[in-house]
N, C-alpha and C. Protein backbone atom coordinates (compact mmCIF):
# COMPACT_ATOMS: atom_id res chain seq x y z
N MET A 1 1.26 -1.33 0.08
CA MET A 1 0.23 0.20 0.08
C MET A 1 1.20 1.16 0.02
N SER A 2 0.41 2.19 -0.11
CA SER A 2 1.18 3.73 -0.50
C SER A 2 1.12 4.08 0.80
N ASP A 3 2.14 4.92 1.17
CA ASP A 3 2.67 5.23 2.67
C ASP A 3 1.29 5.84 3.33
N CYS A 4 0.05 6.24 2.72
CA CYS A 4 -1.08 6.85 3.48
C CYS A 4 -1.61 6.03 4.24
N CYS A 5 -1.45 4.52 3.70
CA CYS A 5 -2.18 3.49 4.81
C CYS A 5 -1.06 2.91 5.60
N GLU A 6 0.27 2.95 5.54
CA GLU A 6 0.95 2.48 6.27
C GLU A 6 0.76 2.72 7.87
N ALA A 7 1.08 1.27 8.71
CA ALA A 7 1.22 1.69 9.84
C ALA A 7 2.23 2.57 10.32
N SER A 8 2.22 3.62 11.35
CA SER A 8 3.31 4.74 11.70
C SER A 8 3.75 4.95 12.95
N SER A 9 4.14 5.66 13.21
CA SER A 9 4.64 5.93 14.86
C SER A 9 2.54 6.17 15.40
N PRO A 10 2.50 6.34 16.64
CA PRO A 10 1.24 6.67 16.99
C PRO A 10 1.12 8.12 16.70
N SER A 11 0.21 8.34 16.39
CA SER A 11 0.10 9.91 16.29
C SER A 11 -0.34 10.67 17.29
N ARG A 12 -0.11 12.05 16.79
CA ARG A 12 -0.28 12.72 18.43
C ARG A 12 -1.81 13.02 18.43
N LYS A 13 -2.21 13.04 19.63
CA LYS A 13 -3.79 13.65 19.47
C LYS A 13 -3.84 14.99 20.97
N ARG A 14 -5.03 15.04 20.82
CA ARG A 14 -5.23 16.82 21.52
C ARG A 14 -7.10 16.45 21.35
N ASP A 15 -7.48 16.83 22.42
CA ASP A 15 -8.88 17.02 22.91
C ASP A 15 -9.27 18.42 22.07
N CYS A 16 -10.55 18.00 21.29
CA CYS A 16 -10.85 19.36 20.66
C CYS A 16 -11.55 19.93 21.96
N PRO A 17 -11.46 21.48 21.68
CA PRO A 17 -11.52 22.48 22.33
C PRO A 17 -13.13 22.63 22.74
N VAL A 18 -14.01 22.05 21.44
CA VAL A 18 -15.39 21.87 21.77
C VAL A 18 -16.22 20.78 22.10
N SER A 19 -15.91 19.87 21.52
CA SER A 19 -16.42 18.32 21.85
C SER A 19 -15.98 17.51 22.80
N GLY A 20 -14.36 17.96 23.22
CA GLY A 20 -13.83 17.14 24.31
C GLY A 20 -13.32 15.95 23.42
N GLN A 21 -13.57 15.19 22.30
CA GLN A 21 -13.06 14.29 21.79
C GLN A 21 -11.73 14.56 21.75
N ALA A 22 -11.14 13.35 21.67
CA ALA A 22 -9.57 13.25 21.22
C ALA A 22 -9.56 12.93 19.34
N CYS A 23 -8.38 13.94 19.32
CA CYS A 23 -8.40 14.11 17.67
C CYS A 23 -7.21 13.69 17.48
N VAL A 24 -7.29 13.73 15.84
CA VAL A 24 -5.18 13.14 15.52
C VAL A 24 -4.98 14.47 14.81
N GLU A 25 -3.61 14.68 14.89
CA GLU A 25 -2.93 15.64 13.74
C GLU A 25 -3.12 15.52 12.37
N VAL A 26 -3.10 16.61 12.10
CA VAL A 26 -3.55 16.95 10.51
C VAL A 26 -2.35 18.10 10.37
N SER A 27 -1.94 17.88 8.96
CA SER A 27 -1.10 18.61 8.26
C SER A 27 -1.32 20.01 7.88
N VAL A 28 -0.52 21.29 8.07
CA VAL A 28 -1.00 22.78 7.45
C VAL A 28 -1.51 22.41 5.78
N ASN A 29 -0.93 21.48 5.21
CA ASN A 29 -1.20 21.03 3.88
C ASN A 29 -2.34 20.85 3.47
N THR A 30 -2.89 19.98 4.29
CA THR A 30 -4.32 19.15 4.23
C THR A 30 -5.50 20.48 4.48
N ILE A 31 -4.61 20.98 5.66
CA ILE A 31 -5.95 21.85 5.79
C ILE A 31 -6.26 23.35 4.79
N ALA A 32 -4.95 23.63 4.01
CA ALA A 32 -4.92 24.84 3.40
C ALA A 32 -5.97 23.91 1.49
N HIS A 33 -5.70 23.23 1.62
CA HIS A 33 -6.60 22.32 0.28
C HIS A 33 -7.86 21.87 0.71
N HIS A 34 -8.55 22.10 1.96
CA HIS A 34 -9.92 22.16 1.93
C HIS A 34 -10.12 23.49 2.70
N LEU A 35 -9.72 24.82 2.81
CA LEU A 35 -10.22 26.11 3.10
C LEU A 35 -10.97 26.27 2.06
N ARG A 36 -12.14 27.21 1.99
CA ARG A 36 -12.35 28.17 1.16
C ARG A 36 -11.62 29.55 1.47
N GLN A 37 -11.11 29.71 0.52
CA GLN A 37 -10.48 31.25 0.36
C GLN A 37 -9.31 30.79 1.02
N ALA A 38 -8.25 29.89 1.41
CA ALA A 38 -7.42 29.17 1.78
C ALA A 38 -6.32 30.24 1.81
N TRP A 39 -6.32 31.17 0.74
CA TRP A 39 -5.32 32.73 0.89
C TRP A 39 -5.70 33.29 2.05
N GLY A 40 -6.67 33.65 2.23
CA GLY A 40 -6.62 34.42 3.40
C GLY A 40 -6.60 33.92 4.82
N TRP A 41 -5.99 32.58 5.35
CA TRP A 41 -5.61 31.69 6.15
C TRP A 41 -4.23 31.61 6.52
N GLU A 42 -3.85 31.88 7.69
CA GLU A 42 -2.14 32.05 7.82
C GLU A 42 -2.19 31.15 9.01
N GLY A 43 -1.92 29.77 8.59
CA GLY A 43 -1.46 28.70 9.28
C GLY A 43 -0.09 29.17 10.30
N LYS A 44 -0.59 29.18 11.69
CA LYS A 44 0.45 29.51 12.24
C LYS A 44 1.79 28.39 12.97
N ASP A 45 2.60 28.65 13.04
CA ASP A 45 4.01 27.62 13.56
C ASP A 45 3.40 26.48 14.76
N GLN A 46 2.35 25.91 14.66
CA GLN A 46 1.68 25.20 15.63
C GLN A 46 1.34 23.98 15.60
N ARG A 47 0.86 22.75 16.12
CA ARG A 47 0.44 21.63 15.52
C ARG A 47 -1.17 22.11 15.24
N TYR A 48 -1.93 21.18 14.35
CA TYR A 48 -3.11 21.19 14.09
C TYR A 48 -3.70 19.77 13.99
N TYR A 49 -5.29 19.79 14.48
CA TYR A 49 -5.69 18.47 14.49
C TYR A 49 -7.13 18.60 13.62
N PHE A 50 -7.44 17.16 13.45
CA PHE A 50 -9.11 17.21 12.79
C PHE A 50 -9.70 16.34 14.04
N CYS A 51 -10.79 16.98 14.00
CA CYS A 51 -12.21 16.73 14.68
C CYS A 51 -13.55 15.91 13.64
N ASP A 52 -13.79 14.46 13.88
CA ASP A 52 -14.51 14.03 13.21
C ASP A 52 -15.70 13.98 13.83
N ASP A 53 -15.69 14.41 14.82
CA ASP A 53 -17.18 13.80 15.95
C ASP A 53 -18.18 14.67 15.16
N PRO A 54 -19.53 14.16 14.17
CA PRO A 54 -20.56 14.36 13.81
C PRO A 54 -21.11 15.26 14.73
N ALA A 55 -21.24 15.67 15.51
CA ALA A 55 -21.87 16.66 16.08
C ALA A 55 -21.35 18.11 16.55
N CYS A 56 -19.89 17.99 16.05
CA CYS A 56 -19.00 19.15 16.39
C CYS A 56 -18.98 19.86 15.20
N GLU A 57 -19.43 21.46 15.22
CA GLU A 57 -19.06 22.09 14.08
C GLU A 57 -17.46 22.94 13.80
N VAL A 58 -16.89 22.13 14.77
CA VAL A 58 -15.37 22.35 14.45
C VAL A 58 -14.80 20.97 13.43
N VAL A 59 -13.74 21.46 12.36
CA VAL A 59 -12.93 20.52 11.48
C VAL A 59 -11.84 20.50 12.01
N TYR A 60 -11.18 21.60 12.15
CA TYR A 60 -9.62 21.44 12.59
C TYR A 60 -9.58 22.57 13.64
N PHE A 61 -8.29 22.28 14.60
CA PHE A 61 -8.26 23.13 15.54
C PHE A 61 -6.74 23.30 15.60
N GLY A 62 -6.66 24.03 16.29
CA GLY A 62 -4.71 24.43 16.70
C GLY A 62 -4.08 24.11 18.17
N ALA A 63 -3.42 23.96 18.48
CA ALA A 63 -2.93 23.91 19.66
C ALA A 63 -3.19 25.03 20.50
N ASP A 64 -3.05 25.96 20.30
CA ASP A 64 -3.88 27.38 20.54
C ASP A 64 -5.09 27.44 20.95
N ASN A 65 -5.79 26.22 20.33
CA ASN A 65 -7.57 26.29 20.38
C ASN A 65 -8.19 27.38 19.47
N SER A 66 -7.29 27.58 18.59
CA SER A 66 -8.72 28.42 17.55
C SER A 66 -8.44 27.16 16.77
N VAL A 67 -9.77 27.67 16.40
CA VAL A 67 -10.55 26.57 15.63
C VAL A 67 -11.28 27.13 14.04
N ILE A 68 -10.87 26.05 13.00
CA ILE A 68 -12.01 26.23 12.03
C ILE A 68 -13.38 25.70 11.66
N LEU A 69 -14.12 25.94 11.46
CA LEU A 69 -15.77 25.37 11.25
C LEU A 69 -15.88 24.91 10.05
N LYS A 70 -16.85 23.98 10.03
CA LYS A 70 -17.51 23.63 8.44
C LYS A 70 -17.40 24.49 7.90
N ALA A 71 -18.05 25.64 8.03
CA ALA A 71 -18.97 26.76 7.34
C ALA A 71 -17.54 27.62 6.46
N ARG A 72 -16.21 27.10 7.01
CA ARG A 72 -15.20 27.36 6.51
C ARG A 72 -14.40 26.58 5.41
N LEU A 73 -15.03 25.88 5.21
CA LEU A 73 -14.25 24.99 4.23
C LEU A 73 -15.01 24.82 2.72
N ARG A 74 -14.36 24.33 2.11
CA ARG A 74 -15.56 24.36 0.43
C ARG A 74 -15.47 22.46 0.67
N THR A 75 -15.21 21.97 0.95
CA THR A 75 -15.45 20.23 1.18
C THR A 75 -16.22 19.96 2.03
N MET A 76 -17.20 19.13 1.78
CA MET A 76 -17.96 18.41 2.59
C MET A 76 -17.06 17.54 3.05
N VAL A 77 -17.59 17.23 5.07
CA VAL A 77 -16.35 16.57 5.43
C VAL A 77 -17.25 15.13 5.79
N GLY A 78 -16.87 14.18 5.36
CA GLY A 78 -17.99 13.03 5.02
C GLY A 78 -18.10 12.39 6.48
N ALA A 79 -16.93 12.49 6.94
CA ALA A 79 -16.88 12.07 8.43
C ALA A 79 -18.01 12.96 9.55
N LYS A 80 -18.52 13.98 9.40
CA LYS A 80 -19.16 14.66 10.33
C LYS A 80 -20.90 14.84 9.42
N GLU A 81 -20.90 14.38 8.38
CA GLU A 81 -22.26 14.01 7.62
C GLU A 81 -22.74 12.82 7.41
N PRO A 82 -24.28 12.42 7.84
CA PRO A 82 -24.85 11.56 7.57
C PRO A 82 -25.53 10.98 6.45
N MET A 83 -25.81 11.64 5.45
CA MET A 83 -26.03 11.40 4.51
C MET A 83 -25.50 10.44 3.58
N PRO A 84 -25.99 10.05 2.59
CA PRO A 84 -25.56 8.49 2.03
C PRO A 84 -24.91 9.17 0.66
N ASP A 85 -24.74 10.23 0.44
CA ASP A 85 -23.70 11.01 -0.63
C ASP A 85 -22.77 11.69 -0.08
N ALA A 86 -22.49 11.23 1.37
CA ALA A 86 -21.11 11.91 1.79
C ALA A 86 -19.72 10.85 1.21
N LEU A 87 -18.90 11.77 1.06
CA LEU A 87 -17.53 10.73 0.42
C LEU A 87 -17.00 10.17 1.66
N LEU A 88 -16.64 8.79 1.31
CA LEU A 88 -15.40 8.49 2.11
C LEU A 88 -14.29 8.25 1.66
N CYS A 89 -14.22 8.10 0.32
CA CYS A 89 -13.05 8.38 -0.47
C CYS A 89 -12.96 9.38 -1.55
N TYR A 90 -12.09 10.62 -1.24
CA TYR A 90 -11.94 11.79 -1.64
C TYR A 90 -11.30 11.48 -2.96
N CYS A 91 -10.32 10.82 -3.19
CA CYS A 91 -9.54 10.67 -4.38
C CYS A 91 -10.11 10.09 -5.10
N PHE A 92 -10.79 8.82 -5.39
CA PHE A 92 -12.16 8.20 -6.53
C PHE A 92 -13.39 8.40 -6.10
N GLY A 93 -14.00 9.27 -5.18
CA GLY A 93 -14.91 9.52 -5.17
C GLY A 93 -16.06 8.89 -4.92
N VAL A 94 -15.54 7.90 -4.30
CA VAL A 94 -16.64 6.82 -3.49
C VAL A 94 -17.68 7.53 -2.30
N THR A 95 -19.04 7.18 -2.33
CA THR A 95 -19.77 7.95 -1.30
C THR A 95 -20.12 6.50 -0.12
N ARG A 96 -20.56 7.01 0.68
CA ARG A 96 -21.05 5.90 1.81
C ARG A 96 -22.10 4.91 0.84
N ALA A 97 -22.89 5.65 0.36
CA ALA A 97 -23.78 4.87 -0.47
C ALA A 97 -23.21 3.79 -1.49
N GLY A 98 -22.47 4.55 -2.31
CA GLY A 98 -22.18 3.57 -3.12
C GLY A 98 -20.93 2.23 -2.95
N ALA A 99 -20.35 2.68 -1.58
CA ALA A 99 -19.36 1.53 -1.16
C ALA A 99 -20.56 0.52 -0.18
N LEU A 100 -21.63 0.65 0.20
CA LEU A 100 -22.57 -0.12 0.86
C LEU A 100 -23.10 -0.99 -0.64
N SER A 101 -23.38 -0.17 -1.66
CA SER A 101 -24.29 -1.03 -2.71
C SER A 101 -23.04 -1.82 -3.59
N ASP A 102 -22.26 -1.47 -3.82
CA ASP A 102 -20.65 -1.75 -4.19
C ASP A 102 -19.81 -2.32 -4.20
N PRO A 103 -19.44 -3.88 -3.39
CA PRO A 103 -18.40 -4.24 -2.90
C PRO A 103 -16.87 -3.53 -3.72
N ALA A 104 -17.27 -3.72 -4.96
CA ALA A 104 -16.19 -3.85 -6.27
C ALA A 104 -15.84 -2.03 -5.48
N ALA A 105 -16.27 -1.09 -4.93
CA ALA A 105 -15.54 0.26 -4.92
C ALA A 105 -14.48 0.14 -3.91
N ARG A 106 -14.47 -0.65 -2.87
CA ARG A 106 -13.58 -0.76 -1.76
C ARG A 106 -12.34 -1.38 -2.12
N GLU A 107 -12.66 -2.38 -3.13
CA GLU A 107 -11.60 -3.31 -3.89
C GLU A 107 -11.08 -2.43 -4.95
N PHE A 108 -11.39 -1.69 -5.38
CA PHE A 108 -10.84 -0.39 -6.34
C PHE A 108 -9.99 0.67 -5.40
N VAL A 109 -10.76 0.94 -4.77
CA VAL A 109 -9.80 1.99 -3.86
C VAL A 109 -8.73 1.19 -3.45
N VAL A 110 -8.68 0.28 -2.84
CA VAL A 110 -7.31 -0.62 -1.97
C VAL A 110 -6.50 -1.08 -3.24
N ALA A 111 -6.95 -1.69 -4.28
CA ALA A 111 -6.24 -1.56 -5.70
C ALA A 111 -5.12 -0.37 -5.99
N GLN A 112 -6.12 0.60 -6.05
CA GLN A 112 -5.40 1.85 -6.31
C GLN A 112 -4.33 2.15 -5.57
N THR A 113 -4.75 2.27 -4.06
CA THR A 113 -3.97 2.68 -2.81
C THR A 113 -2.74 1.75 -3.03
N ARG A 114 -2.69 0.69 -3.28
CA ARG A 114 -1.48 -0.28 -3.49
C ARG A 114 -0.77 0.11 -4.56
N ARG A 115 -1.42 0.59 -5.38
CA ARG A 115 -0.44 1.74 -6.36
C ARG A 115 0.10 2.80 -6.39
N GLY A 116 0.14 3.32 -5.46
CA GLY A 116 0.33 4.82 -5.10
C GLY A 116 -0.50 5.85 -5.76
N LEU A 117 -1.56 5.45 -6.16
CA LEU A 117 -2.33 6.23 -6.86
C LEU A 117 -3.10 7.28 -5.95
N CYS A 118 -3.05 7.06 -4.59
CA CYS A 118 -4.33 8.16 -4.09
C CYS A 118 -3.43 9.11 -3.66
N SER A 119 -4.24 10.07 -3.22
CA SER A 119 -3.63 11.38 -2.55
C SER A 119 -4.20 11.76 -1.35
N CYS A 120 -4.10 11.28 0.01
CA CYS A 120 -5.33 11.18 0.64
C CYS A 120 -4.71 11.93 1.62
N GLU A 121 -3.55 12.56 1.59
CA GLU A 121 -2.94 13.76 2.68
C GLU A 121 -3.99 15.28 2.18
N THR A 122 -3.97 14.97 0.82
CA THR A 122 -4.02 16.72 0.43
C THR A 122 -6.15 16.17 -0.13
N SER A 123 -6.55 15.40 -0.31
CA SER A 123 -7.58 15.05 -0.71
C SER A 123 -8.57 14.55 0.22
N ASN A 124 -8.41 14.06 1.40
CA ASN A 124 -9.47 13.56 2.55
C ASN A 124 -9.21 14.44 3.63
N PRO A 125 -10.13 15.34 3.89
CA PRO A 125 -10.26 16.29 5.15
C PRO A 125 -9.43 15.65 6.40
N SER A 126 -9.58 14.33 6.23
CA SER A 126 -8.75 14.04 7.80
C SER A 126 -6.96 13.88 7.51
N GLY A 127 -6.87 13.73 6.24
CA GLY A 127 -5.28 13.96 5.60
C GLY A 127 -5.04 12.33 5.64
N ARG A 128 -5.75 11.25 6.00
CA ARG A 128 -5.55 9.78 6.53
C ARG A 128 -6.29 9.03 5.14
N CYS A 129 -5.75 7.95 5.59
CA CYS A 129 -6.01 7.03 4.22
C CYS A 129 -7.71 6.85 4.35
N CYS A 130 -8.72 6.74 3.66
CA CYS A 130 -10.30 6.59 3.69
C CYS A 130 -10.33 5.25 4.05
N LEU A 131 -9.60 3.64 3.99
CA LEU A 131 -9.93 2.42 3.98
C LEU A 131 -10.84 2.40 5.16
N LYS A 132 -10.22 2.77 6.33
CA LYS A 132 -10.84 2.74 7.64
C LYS A 132 -12.20 2.90 7.46
N ASP A 133 -12.73 4.02 6.83
CA ASP A 133 -14.10 4.35 6.83
C ASP A 133 -14.83 3.81 5.91
N PHE A 134 -14.09 3.00 5.17
CA PHE A 134 -15.32 1.78 4.32
C PHE A 134 -15.75 0.91 5.62
N PRO A 135 -17.37 0.71 5.11
CA PRO A 135 -18.44 -0.57 6.07
C PRO A 135 -17.57 -1.38 5.73
N PRO A 136 -17.87 -2.75 6.61
CA PRO A 136 -17.31 -3.95 6.48
C PRO A 136 -17.54 -4.48 5.42
N ASN A 137 -16.89 -5.51 4.75
CA ASN A 137 -17.36 -6.25 3.75
C ASN A 137 -18.50 -7.25 4.14
């Protein structure tokens, strides 16, 4: 598999300042690719985190507890949206409904990831591989 799905050192976590849920670190590069008018945001020299709690409006937050809400993004965050058309795989456009109705969708994503053809760090708002988000076969 490509590097995005490889086991790595334990990710750094921090609790969301709004939901209190433990959240994983995300790169400034990921955030910049999902912001509406990214040119108006200047990432600070600090760690940032991704909140996937569906009940929380915060998507990203900094170590200083600054927050970026869903409304500031140009991307709908599938982990926060229960709709069938919410994306699971941002690299190849696989929706929740598509993954549930066609197991070949997951197989395709696995094959493309193995070939190194995914772009999870920038395409997925979490900055991580989507395969863990697919429903079990």
